[in-house]
């Protein structure tokens, strides 16, 4: 089942949080409009996990991971501002501070903290910035395929041109899957999982299928991190942290291992036959990679 819980983020932006498993065994869990009552145990019977998608992603991309986690955790995935079913106000802040404050609000309003935060790409950066800011809310962190180094002006220009190349509207979802999985110039070889990933972020409109986000908002979000390096914030993360990369992803092995070295309590894992969408490309191998780390946190 998928259960939606509304969260109020920074600046009053309404955010959609999702549980993809059985809700906690509390009286309040029967009312989908309410979060579990705060308690000394963190607001639920099970330890909390907050899952943060990357740029252009949505909470449902975490559904298989969240269902797997739900056997031993209260796993909640957040549609971040501008994404999924969360609000996309044109004048809202799409800054690093806003994204971090949204995650902070989700942990507090849902009673999840201190939680394990699992983030992919932009969501991973949000996770480690949150852990540096609020160590009381984050007891463990998993960083999935996100670089700490600056990407630079050329990277932002490339993304702008890429968005312009999208042949929107797509006539059918099959066309979406084919373009992102095969025809996109960024695709080196056919990638079915990539096609499915982007099909999940499309919605039907009168003239065809379009993304559920505004590309301009995605570029505004991205420009708040691509010009800067984030090593200093990484060094401020004190909780146990696992850095995971796909062998064909965007985070290279040397940089990933340097991130582990900079982290006060870092560990490293990699997933073979996976690209940037590690958890989506190879879900079973992804779970195998993170399970030992989660088990260690459970016994800490």
C-alpha atoms as a PDB file:
ATOM      1  CA  UNK A   1       0.000   0.000   0.000  1.00  0.00           C
ATOM      2  CA  UNK A   2       1.018   3.634  -0.434  1.00  0.00           C
ATOM      3  CA  UNK A   3      -0.065   6.017   2.302  1.00  0.00           C
ATOM      4  CA  UNK A   4       0.302   9.765   1.857  1.00  0.00           C
ATOM      5  CA  UNK A   5       1.042  12.141   4.721  1.00  0.00           C
ATOM      6  CA  UNK A   6       1.204  15.887   4.144  1.00  0.00           C
ATOM      7  CA  UNK A   7       4.140  17.827   5.564  1.00  0.00           C
ATOM      8  CA  UNK A   8       4.597  21.588   5.718  1.00  0.00           C
ATOM      9  CA  UNK A   9       8.016  22.544   4.451  1.00  0.00           C
ATOM     10  CA  UNK A  10      10.032  25.754   4.446  1.00  0.00           C
ATOM     11  CA  UNK A  11       8.002  28.818   3.529  1.00  0.00           C
ATOM     12  CA  UNK A  12       4.747  26.886   3.949  1.00  0.00           C
ATOM     13  CA  UNK A  13       5.282  24.695   0.868  1.00  0.00           C
ATOM     14  CA  UNK A  14       3.089  21.586   1.079  1.00  0.00           C
ATOM     15  CA  UNK A  15       5.073  18.376   0.706  1.00  0.00           C
ATOM     16  CA  UNK A  16       3.808  14.849   0.112  1.00  0.00           C
ATOM     17  CA  UNK A  17       5.449  12.105   2.169  1.00  0.00           C
ATOM     18  CA  UNK A  18       4.745   8.451   1.419  1.00  0.00           C
ATOM     19  CA  UNK A  19       4.850   5.170   3.301  1.00  0.00           C
ATOM     20  CA  UNK A  20       5.067   2.168   0.966  1.00  0.00           C
ATOM     21  CA  UNK A  21       4.337  -0.516   3.518  1.00  0.00           C
ATOM     22  CA  UNK A  22       2.160  -1.286   6.510  1.00  0.00           C
ATOM     23  CA  UNK A  23       1.672   1.813   8.683  1.00  0.00           C
ATOM     24  CA  UNK A  24       2.952   1.832  12.272  1.00  0.00           C
ATOM     25  CA  UNK A  25       0.703   0.098  14.812  1.00  0.00           C
ATOM     26  CA  UNK A  26      -0.597   3.233  16.485  1.00  0.00           C
ATOM     27  CA  UNK A  27      -4.127   4.582  16.815  1.00  0.00           C
ATOM     28  CA  UNK A  28      -3.189   7.656  14.765  1.00  0.00           C
ATOM     29  CA  UNK A  29      -1.939   5.511  11.904  1.00  0.00           C
ATOM     30  CA  UNK A  30      -5.540   4.778  10.901  1.00  0.00           C
ATOM     31  CA  UNK A  31      -6.060   8.431   9.951  1.00  0.00           C
ATOM     32  CA  UNK A  32      -4.013   9.212   6.781  1.00  0.00           C
ATOM     33  CA  UNK A  33      -4.130  12.927   7.573  1.00  0.00           C
ATOM     34  CA  UNK A  34      -2.187  12.473  10.811  1.00  0.00           C
ATOM     35  CA  UNK A  35       1.379  11.526  11.593  1.00  0.00           C
ATOM     36  CA  UNK A  36       2.217   9.351  14.601  1.00  0.00           C
ATOM     37  CA  UNK A  37       2.157  11.149  17.910  1.00  0.00           C
ATOM     38  CA  UNK A  38       5.593  12.281  19.112  1.00  0.00           C
ATOM     39  CA  UNK A  39       7.155  10.039  21.701  1.00  0.00           C
ATOM     40  CA  UNK A  40      10.479   9.430  23.389  1.00  0.00           C
ATOM     41  CA  UNK A  41      11.139   6.602  20.936  1.00  0.00           C
ATOM     42  CA  UNK A  42      11.084   8.968  17.945  1.00  0.00           C
ATOM     43  CA  UNK A  43       7.362   8.906  17.146  1.00  0.00           C
ATOM     44  CA  UNK A  44       6.833   5.285  16.080  1.00  0.00           C
ATOM     45  CA  UNK A  45       7.338   1.707  17.180  1.00  0.00           C
ATOM     46  CA  UNK A  46      10.029   1.164  14.545  1.00  0.00           C
ATOM     47  CA  UNK A  47      13.228   3.128  13.864  1.00  0.00           C
ATOM     48  CA  UNK A  48      12.748   5.771  11.213  1.00  0.00           C
ATOM     49  CA  UNK A  49      14.177   6.011   7.708  1.00  0.00           C
ATOM     50  CA  UNK A  50      13.750   9.026   5.427  1.00  0.00           C
ATOM     51  CA  UNK A  51      14.329   8.448   1.705  1.00  0.00           C
ATOM     52  CA  UNK A  52      15.214  11.417  -0.500  1.00  0.00           C
ATOM     53  CA  UNK A  53      15.111  11.126  -4.312  1.00  0.00           C
ATOM     54  CA  UNK A  54      17.390  12.984  -6.697  1.00  0.00           C
ATOM     55  CA  UNK A  55      16.709  15.849  -9.077  1.00  0.00           C
ATOM     56  CA  UNK A  56      13.633  15.089 -11.248  1.00  0.00           C
ATOM     57  CA  UNK A  57      12.880  12.020  -9.137  1.00  0.00           C
ATOM     58  CA  UNK A  58       9.901  11.259  -6.947  1.00  0.00           C
ATOM     59  CA  UNK A  59       9.133   9.283  -3.814  1.00  0.00           C
ATOM     60  CA  UNK A  60       7.768   6.313  -5.769  1.00  0.00           C
ATOM     61  CA  UNK A  61      11.253   5.601  -7.126  1.00  0.00           C
ATOM     62  CA  UNK A  62      12.034   4.422  -3.590  1.00  0.00           C
ATOM     63  CA  UNK A  63       8.976   2.146  -3.305  1.00  0.00           C
ATOM     64  CA  UNK A  64      10.823  -1.209  -3.588  1.00  0.00           C
ATOM     65  CA  UNK A  65      13.483  -0.081  -1.095  1.00  0.00           C
ATOM     66  CA  UNK A  66      10.864   1.314   1.287  1.00  0.00           C
ATOM     67  CA  UNK A  67       8.804  -1.897   1.197  1.00  0.00           C
ATOM     68  CA  UNK A  68      11.916  -3.946   1.913  1.00  0.00           C
ATOM     69  CA  UNK A  69      12.856  -1.647   4.791  1.00  0.00           C
ATOM     70  CA  UNK A  70       9.349  -1.658   6.266  1.00  0.00           C
ATOM     71  CA  UNK A  71       9.873  -5.069   7.862  1.00  0.00           C
ATOM     72  CA  UNK A  72      12.162  -3.462  10.441  1.00  0.00           C
ATOM     73  CA  UNK A  73      11.782   0.298   9.964  1.00  0.00           C
ATOM     74  CA  UNK A  74       9.222   2.996   9.482  1.00  0.00           C
ATOM     75  CA  UNK A  75      10.389   4.019   6.010  1.00  0.00           C
ATOM     76  CA  UNK A  76       9.022   7.260   4.553  1.00  0.00           C
ATOM     77  CA  UNK A  77       9.899   8.663   1.124  1.00  0.00           C
ATOM     78  CA  UNK A  78       9.479  12.385   0.517  1.00  0.00           C
ATOM     79  CA  UNK A  79       8.414  14.104  -2.679  1.00  0.00           C
ATOM     80  CA  UNK A  80      10.723  17.093  -2.424  1.00  0.00           C
ATOM     81  CA  UNK A  81       9.544  20.573  -3.368  1.00  0.00           C
ATOM     82  CA  UNK A  82       8.941  20.930  -7.087  1.00  0.00           C
ATOM     83  CA  UNK A  83       8.740  17.146  -7.505  1.00  0.00           C
ATOM     84  CA  UNK A  84       6.104  14.402  -7.513  1.00  0.00           C
ATOM     85  CA  UNK A  85       2.887  15.317  -5.698  1.00  0.00           C
ATOM     86  CA  UNK A  86       4.463  18.106  -3.641  1.00  0.00           C
ATOM     87  CA  UNK A  87       3.716  21.745  -4.378  1.00  0.00           C
ATOM     88  CA  UNK A  88       5.574  23.486  -7.195  1.00  0.00           C
ATOM     89  CA  UNK A  89       4.980  27.187  -6.528  1.00  0.00           C
ATOM     90  CA  UNK A  90       6.738  29.325  -9.163  1.00  0.00           C
ATOM     91  CA  UNK A  91       8.049  31.821  -6.624  1.00  0.00           C
ATOM     92  CA  UNK A  92       9.134  29.316  -3.993  1.00  0.00           C
ATOM     93  CA  UNK A  93      12.763  29.063  -2.938  1.00  0.00           C
ATOM     94  CA  UNK A  94      14.581  26.226  -4.684  1.00  0.00           C
ATOM     95  CA  UNK A  95      17.728  26.704  -2.635  1.00  0.00           C
ATOM     96  CA  UNK A  96      19.885  24.271  -0.713  1.00  0.00           C
ATOM     97  CA  UNK A  97      18.612  25.754   2.550  1.00  0.00           C
ATOM     98  CA  UNK A  98      14.997  25.204   1.485  1.00  0.00           C
ATOM     99  CA  UNK A  99      15.548  21.563   0.562  1.00  0.00           C
ATOM    100  CA  UNK A 100      17.401  20.899   3.820  1.00  0.00           C
ATOM    101  CA  UNK A 101      14.737  22.658   5.878  1.00  0.00           C
ATOM    102  CA  UNK A 102      12.058  20.571   4.133  1.00  0.00           C
ATOM    103  CA  UNK A 103      13.811  17.335   5.120  1.00  0.00           C
ATOM    104  CA  UNK A 104      14.251  18.659   8.641  1.00  0.00           C
ATOM    105  CA  UNK A 105      10.534  19.475   8.814  1.00  0.00           C
ATOM    106  CA  UNK A 106       9.616  16.010   7.536  1.00  0.00           C
ATOM    107  CA  UNK A 107      11.679  14.273  10.216  1.00  0.00           C
ATOM    108  CA  UNK A 108      10.216  16.441  12.968  1.00  0.00           C
ATOM    109  CA  UNK A 109       6.582  16.426  11.837  1.00  0.00           C
ATOM    110  CA  UNK A 110       6.568  12.691  11.148  1.00  0.00           C
ATOM    111  CA  UNK A 111       8.345  11.856  14.387  1.00  0.00           C
ATOM    112  CA  UNK A 112      11.041   9.906  12.544  1.00  0.00           C
ATOM    113  CA  UNK A 113      14.177  11.291  14.125  1.00  0.00           C
ATOM    114  CA  UNK A 114      16.816  10.346  14.908  1.00  0.00           C
ATOM    115  CA  UNK A 115      16.520   8.530  11.589  1.00  0.00           C
ATOM    116  CA  UNK A 116      18.621   6.902   8.928  1.00  0.00           C
ATOM    117  CA  UNK A 117      18.567   9.190   5.904  1.00  0.00           C
ATOM    118  CA  UNK A 118      19.047   7.552   2.503  1.00  0.00           C
ATOM    119  CA  UNK A 119      19.557   9.915  -0.403  1.00  0.00           C
ATOM    120  CA  UNK A 120      20.185   9.560  -4.113  1.00  0.00           C
ATOM    121  CA  UNK A 121      22.098  12.277  -5.996  1.00  0.00           C
ATOM    122  CA  UNK A 122      20.640  15.668  -4.973  1.00  0.00           C
ATOM    123  CA  UNK A 123      18.786  13.907  -2.161  1.00  0.00           C
ATOM    124  CA  UNK A 124      22.101  12.577  -0.851  1.00  0.00           C
ATOM    125  CA  UNK A 125      23.524  16.100  -0.739  1.00  0.00           C
ATOM    126  CA  UNK A 126      20.439  17.222   1.158  1.00  0.00           C
ATOM    127  CA  UNK A 127      20.998  14.298   3.515  1.00  0.00           C
ATOM    128  CA  UNK A 128      24.573  15.145   4.384  1.00  0.00           C
ATOM    129  CA  UNK A 129      23.839  18.863   4.705  1.00  0.00           C
ATOM    130  CA  UNK A 130      21.008  17.974   7.091  1.00  0.00           C
ATOM    131  CA  UNK A 131      23.248  15.598   9.069  1.00  0.00           C
ATOM    132  CA  UNK A 132      25.852  18.346   9.423  1.00  0.00           C
ATOM    133  CA  UNK A 133      23.214  20.868  10.524  1.00  0.00           C
ATOM    134  CA  UNK A 134      21.071  18.642  12.773  1.00  0.00           C
ATOM    135  CA  UNK A 135      23.088  15.673  14.065  1.00  0.00           C
ATOM    136  CA  UNK A 136      20.327  15.071  16.607  1.00  0.00           C
ATOM    137  CA  UNK A 137      17.954  14.117  13.775  1.00  0.00           C
ATOM    138  CA  UNK A 138      20.249  11.828  11.736  1.00  0.00           C
ATOM    139  CA  UNK A 139      21.758   8.693  13.268  1.00  0.00           C
ATOM    140  CA  UNK A 140      22.968   7.192  10.011  1.00  0.00           C
ATOM    141  CA  UNK A 141      23.347   8.289   6.407  1.00  0.00           C
ATOM    142  CA  UNK A 142      23.557   6.535   3.025  1.00  0.00           C
ATOM    143  CA  UNK A 143      24.905   8.615   0.133  1.00  0.00           C
ATOM    144  CA  UNK A 144      24.031   7.150  -3.265  1.00  0.00           C
ATOM    145  CA  UNK A 145      26.019   8.361  -6.301  1.00  0.00           C
ATOM    146  CA  UNK A 146      26.494  12.041  -5.418  1.00  0.00           C
ATOM    147  CA  UNK A 147      29.709  13.951  -5.919  1.00  0.00           C
ATOM    148  CA  UNK A 148      31.192  16.347  -3.368  1.00  0.00           C
ATOM    149  CA  UNK A 149      33.235  18.263  -5.947  1.00  0.00           C
ATOM    150  CA  UNK A 150      31.999  21.252  -7.947  1.00  0.00           C
ATOM    151  CA  UNK A 151      30.644  20.425 -11.400  1.00  0.00           C
ATOM    152  CA  UNK A 152      30.998  23.913 -12.882  1.00  0.00           C
ATOM    153  CA  UNK A 153      29.338  26.198 -15.398  1.00  0.00           C
ATOM    154  CA  UNK A 154      29.717  23.834 -18.352  1.00  0.00           C
ATOM    155  CA  UNK A 155      27.677  21.199 -16.531  1.00  0.00           C
ATOM    156  CA  UNK A 156      24.757  23.566 -16.022  1.00  0.00           C
ATOM    157  CA  UNK A 157      24.865  24.610 -19.672  1.00  0.00           C
ATOM    158  CA  UNK A 158      24.827  20.940 -20.742  1.00  0.00           C
ATOM    159  CA  UNK A 159      21.739  20.307 -18.634  1.00  0.00           C
ATOM    160  CA  UNK A 160      19.971  23.348 -20.081  1.00  0.00           C
ATOM    161  CA  UNK A 161      20.575  22.082 -23.614  1.00  0.00           C
ATOM    162  CA  UNK A 162      19.508  18.572 -22.621  1.00  0.00           C
ATOM    163  CA  UNK A 163      16.125  19.761 -21.377  1.00  0.00           C
ATOM    164  CA  UNK A 164      15.615  21.621 -24.663  1.00  0.00           C
ATOM    165  CA  UNK A 165      16.274  18.392 -26.561  1.00  0.00           C
ATOM    166  CA  UNK A 166      13.386  16.526 -24.935  1.00  0.00           C
ATOM    167  CA  UNK A 167      10.735  15.791 -27.620  1.00  0.00           C
ATOM    168  CA  UNK A 168       7.806  16.851 -25.429  1.00  0.00           C
ATOM    169  CA  UNK A 169       4.985  16.160 -25.442  1.00  0.00           C
ATOM    170  CA  UNK A 170       5.469  12.424 -25.795  1.00  0.00           C
ATOM    171  CA  UNK A 171       2.586  10.709 -27.548  1.00  0.00           C
ATOM    172  CA  UNK A 172       2.616   7.641 -25.281  1.00  0.00           C
ATOM    173  CA  UNK A 173       4.463   6.274 -22.268  1.00  0.00           C
ATOM    174  CA  UNK A 174       6.077   3.768 -24.620  1.00  0.00           C
ATOM    175  CA  UNK A 175       7.609   6.747 -26.413  1.00  0.00           C
ATOM    176  CA  UNK A 176       8.893   8.055 -23.079  1.00  0.00           C
ATOM    177  CA  UNK A 177      10.502   4.718 -22.259  1.00  0.00           C
ATOM    178  CA  UNK A 178      12.083   4.441 -25.687  1.00  0.00           C
ATOM    179  CA  UNK A 179      13.505   7.956 -25.787  1.00  0.00           C
ATOM    180  CA  UNK A 180      15.038   7.916 -22.298  1.00  0.00           C
ATOM    181  CA  UNK A 181      16.054   4.281 -22.528  1.00  0.00           C
ATOM    182  CA  UNK A 182      17.446   4.268 -26.076  1.00  0.00           C
ATOM    183  CA  UNK A 183      17.254   7.480 -28.119  1.00  0.00           C
ATOM    184  CA  UNK A 184      18.427  10.113 -25.625  1.00  0.00           C
ATOM    185  CA  UNK A 185      21.933  11.293 -26.681  1.00  0.00           C
ATOM    186  CA  UNK A 186      23.041  10.819 -23.070  1.00  0.00           C
ATOM    187  CA  UNK A 187      22.363   7.059 -23.278  1.00  0.00           C
ATOM    188  CA  UNK A 188      25.509   5.131 -24.184  1.00  0.00           C
ATOM    189  CA  UNK A 189      23.684   1.813 -24.546  1.00  0.00           C
ATOM    190  CA  UNK A 190      20.031   0.754 -24.169  1.00  0.00           C
ATOM    191  CA  UNK A 191      18.913   1.040 -20.562  1.00  0.00           C
ATOM    192  CA  UNK A 192      15.423  -0.234 -19.809  1.00  0.00           C
ATOM    193  CA  UNK A 193      15.542   0.883 -16.164  1.00  0.00           C
ATOM    194  CA  UNK A 194      16.292   4.461 -17.205  1.00  0.00           C
ATOM    195  CA  UNK A 195      13.273   4.464 -19.498  1.00  0.00           C
ATOM    196  CA  UNK A 196      11.057   3.214 -16.682  1.00  0.00           C
ATOM    197  CA  UNK A 197      12.528   5.770 -14.279  1.00  0.00           C
ATOM    198  CA  UNK A 198      11.498   8.678 -16.496  1.00  0.00           C
ATOM    199  CA  UNK A 199       8.113   7.140 -17.313  1.00  0.00           C
ATOM    200  CA  UNK A 200       7.334   7.469 -13.589  1.00  0.00           C
ATOM    201  CA  UNK A 201       7.814  11.232 -13.696  1.00  0.00           C
ATOM    202  CA  UNK A 202       5.416  11.833 -16.583  1.00  0.00           C
ATOM    203  CA  UNK A 203       1.747  12.775 -16.428  1.00  0.00           C
ATOM    204  CA  UNK A 204      -0.827  12.766 -19.196  1.00  0.00           C
ATOM    205  CA  UNK A 205      -1.961  16.156 -20.496  1.00  0.00           C
ATOM    206  CA  UNK A 206      -4.393  17.019 -23.312  1.00  0.00           C
ATOM    207  CA  UNK A 207      -1.592  17.017 -25.888  1.00  0.00           C
ATOM    208  CA  UNK A 208       0.412  14.047 -24.597  1.00  0.00           C
ATOM    209  CA  UNK A 209       2.767  13.107 -21.789  1.00  0.00           C
ATOM    210  CA  UNK A 210       4.818  15.775 -20.002  1.00  0.00           C
ATOM    211  CA  UNK A 211       7.027  15.775 -16.894  1.00  0.00           C
ATOM    212  CA  UNK A 212       5.319  16.390 -13.557  1.00  0.00           C
ATOM    213  CA  UNK A 213       7.999  18.987 -12.761  1.00  0.00           C
ATOM    214  CA  UNK A 214       8.942  22.281 -14.392  1.00  0.00           C
ATOM    215  CA  UNK A 215      12.358  22.001 -16.074  1.00  0.00           C
ATOM    216  CA  UNK A 216      13.115  25.613 -15.159  1.00  0.00           C
ATOM    217  CA  UNK A 217      12.622  24.791 -11.467  1.00  0.00           C
ATOM    218  CA  UNK A 218      14.946  21.816 -11.835  1.00  0.00           C
ATOM    219  CA  UNK A 219      17.645  24.065 -13.292  1.00  0.00           C
ATOM    220  CA  UNK A 220      17.118  26.590 -10.491  1.00  0.00           C
ATOM    221  CA  UNK A 221      17.472  23.797  -7.945  1.00  0.00           C
ATOM    222  CA  UNK A 222      20.592  22.456  -9.600  1.00  0.00           C
ATOM    223  CA  UNK A 223      22.372  25.783  -9.890  1.00  0.00           C
ATOM    224  CA  UNK A 224      22.416  26.073  -6.103  1.00  0.00           C
ATOM    225  CA  UNK A 225      24.931  23.247  -5.808  1.00  0.00           C
ATOM    226  CA  UNK A 226      26.817  22.693  -9.071  1.00  0.00           C
ATOM    227  CA  UNK A 227      29.103  25.701  -8.752  1.00  0.00           C
ATOM    228  CA  UNK A 228      30.385  24.806  -5.280  1.00  0.00           C
ATOM    229  CA  UNK A 229      32.216  21.908  -3.687  1.00  0.00           C
ATOM    230  CA  UNK A 230      30.703  20.347  -0.564  1.00  0.00           C
ATOM    231  CA  UNK A 231      33.682  18.728   1.155  1.00  0.00           C
ATOM    232  CA  UNK A 232      33.512  20.972   4.219  1.00  0.00           C
ATOM    233  CA  UNK A 233      29.915  19.997   4.948  1.00  0.00           C
ATOM    234  CA  UNK A 234      30.791  16.337   4.371  1.00  0.00           C
ATOM    235  CA  UNK A 235      33.531  16.577   6.994  1.00  0.00           C
ATOM    236  CA  UNK A 236      30.937  17.843   9.493  1.00  0.00           C
ATOM    237  CA  UNK A 237      28.829  14.663   9.255  1.00  0.00           C
ATOM    238  CA  UNK A 238      29.525  12.743  12.460  1.00  0.00           C
ATOM    239  CA  UNK A 239      27.107   9.846  12.129  1.00  0.00           C
ATOM    240  CA  UNK A 240      28.031   6.543  10.432  1.00  0.00           C
ATOM    241  CA  UNK A 241      27.835   7.103   6.681  1.00  0.00           C
ATOM    242  CA  UNK A 242      27.897   4.715   3.736  1.00  0.00           C
ATOM    243  CA  UNK A 243      28.965   6.031   0.328  1.00  0.00           C
ATOM    244  CA  UNK A 244      27.533   3.878  -2.479  1.00  0.00           C
ATOM    245  CA  UNK A 245      28.345   4.193  -6.163  1.00  0.00           C
ATOM    246  CA  UNK A 246      27.372   2.343  -9.319  1.00  0.00           C
ATOM    247  CA  UNK A 247      30.382   1.214 -11.317  1.00  0.00           C
ATOM    248  CA  UNK A 248      29.023   3.127 -14.328  1.00  0.00           C
ATOM    249  CA  UNK A 249      27.575   6.007 -12.321  1.00  0.00           C
ATOM    250  CA  UNK A 250      28.550   9.659 -12.048  1.00  0.00           C
ATOM    251  CA  UNK A 251      30.572   9.281  -8.850  1.00  0.00           C
ATOM    252  CA  UNK A 252      34.020   7.919  -9.669  1.00  0.00           C
ATOM    253  CA  UNK A 253      35.788   5.436  -7.413  1.00  0.00           C
ATOM    254  CA  UNK A 254      38.624   7.794  -6.494  1.00  0.00           C
ATOM    255  CA  UNK A 255      36.272  10.588  -5.463  1.00  0.00           C
ATOM    256  CA  UNK A 256      34.009   8.177  -3.584  1.00  0.00           C
ATOM    257  CA  UNK A 257      36.950   6.827  -1.613  1.00  0.00           C
ATOM    258  CA  UNK A 258      38.119  10.369  -0.882  1.00  0.00           C
ATOM    259  CA  UNK A 259      34.639  11.147   0.431  1.00  0.00           C
ATOM    260  CA  UNK A 260      34.922   8.137   2.745  1.00  0.00           C
ATOM    261  CA  UNK A 261      38.306   9.418   3.938  1.00  0.00           C
ATOM    262  CA  UNK A 262      36.914  12.905   4.632  1.00  0.00           C
ATOM    263  CA  UNK A 263      33.902  11.569   6.510  1.00  0.00           C
ATOM    264  CA  UNK A 264      34.665  11.081  10.220  1.00  0.00           C
ATOM    265  CA  UNK A 265      32.826   7.737  10.182  1.00  0.00           C
ATOM    266  CA  UNK A 266      32.623   6.726   6.521  1.00  0.00           C
ATOM    267  CA  UNK A 267      32.298   3.401   4.749  1.00  0.00           C
ATOM    268  CA  UNK A 268      32.308   2.446   1.054  1.00  0.00           C
ATOM    269  CA  UNK A 269      30.268   0.142  -1.186  1.00  0.00           C
ATOM    270  CA  UNK A 270      29.816  -0.222  -4.916  1.00  0.00           C
ATOM    271  CA  UNK A 271      27.249  -1.954  -7.096  1.00  0.00           C
ATOM    272  CA  UNK A 272      28.294  -3.705 -10.288  1.00  0.00           C
ATOM    273  CA  UNK A 273      26.323  -3.305 -13.542  1.00  0.00           C
ATOM    274  CA  UNK A 274      24.674  -0.147 -12.214  1.00  0.00           C
ATOM    275  CA  UNK A 275      24.725   3.391 -13.540  1.00  0.00           C
ATOM    276  CA  UNK A 276      23.679   6.588 -11.808  1.00  0.00           C
ATOM    277  CA  UNK A 277      20.265   5.147 -10.875  1.00  0.00           C
ATOM    278  CA  UNK A 278      21.873   2.561  -8.607  1.00  0.00           C
ATOM    279  CA  UNK A 279      18.832   1.616  -6.520  1.00  0.00           C
ATOM    280  CA  UNK A 280      16.650   1.532  -9.635  1.00  0.00           C
ATOM    281  CA  UNK A 281      19.098  -0.233 -11.966  1.00  0.00           C
ATOM    282  CA  UNK A 282      19.997  -3.090  -9.638  1.00  0.00           C
ATOM    283  CA  UNK A 283      17.531  -3.224  -6.707  1.00  0.00           C
ATOM    284  CA  UNK A 284      18.684  -6.579  -5.327  1.00  0.00           C
ATOM    285  CA  UNK A 285      22.381  -5.683  -5.503  1.00  0.00           C
ATOM    286  CA  UNK A 286      21.558  -2.298  -3.960  1.00  0.00           C
ATOM    287  CA  UNK A 287      19.852  -3.965  -1.005  1.00  0.00           C
ATOM    288  CA  UNK A 288      22.786  -6.351  -0.605  1.00  0.00           C
ATOM    289  CA  UNK A 289      25.179  -3.382  -0.549  1.00  0.00           C
ATOM    290  CA  UNK A 290      23.352  -1.419   2.148  1.00  0.00           C
ATOM    291  CA  UNK A 291      22.038  -4.225   4.376  1.00  0.00           C
ATOM    292  CA  UNK A 292      25.280  -4.819   6.366  1.00  0.00           C
ATOM    293  CA  UNK A 293      25.483  -1.097   7.125  1.00  0.00           C
ATOM    294  CA  UNK A 294      21.861  -0.984   8.303  1.00  0.00           C
ATOM    295  CA  UNK A 295      22.436  -4.082  10.448  1.00  0.00           C
ATOM    296  CA  UNK A 296      25.395  -2.370  12.103  1.00  0.00           C
ATOM    297  CA  UNK A 297      23.245   0.647  12.929  1.00  0.00           C
ATOM    298  CA  UNK A 298      20.554  -1.624  14.373  1.00  0.00           C
ATOM    299  CA  UNK A 299      22.995  -3.122  16.863  1.00  0.00           C
ATOM    300  CA  UNK A 300      24.803   0.122  17.722  1.00  0.00           C
END
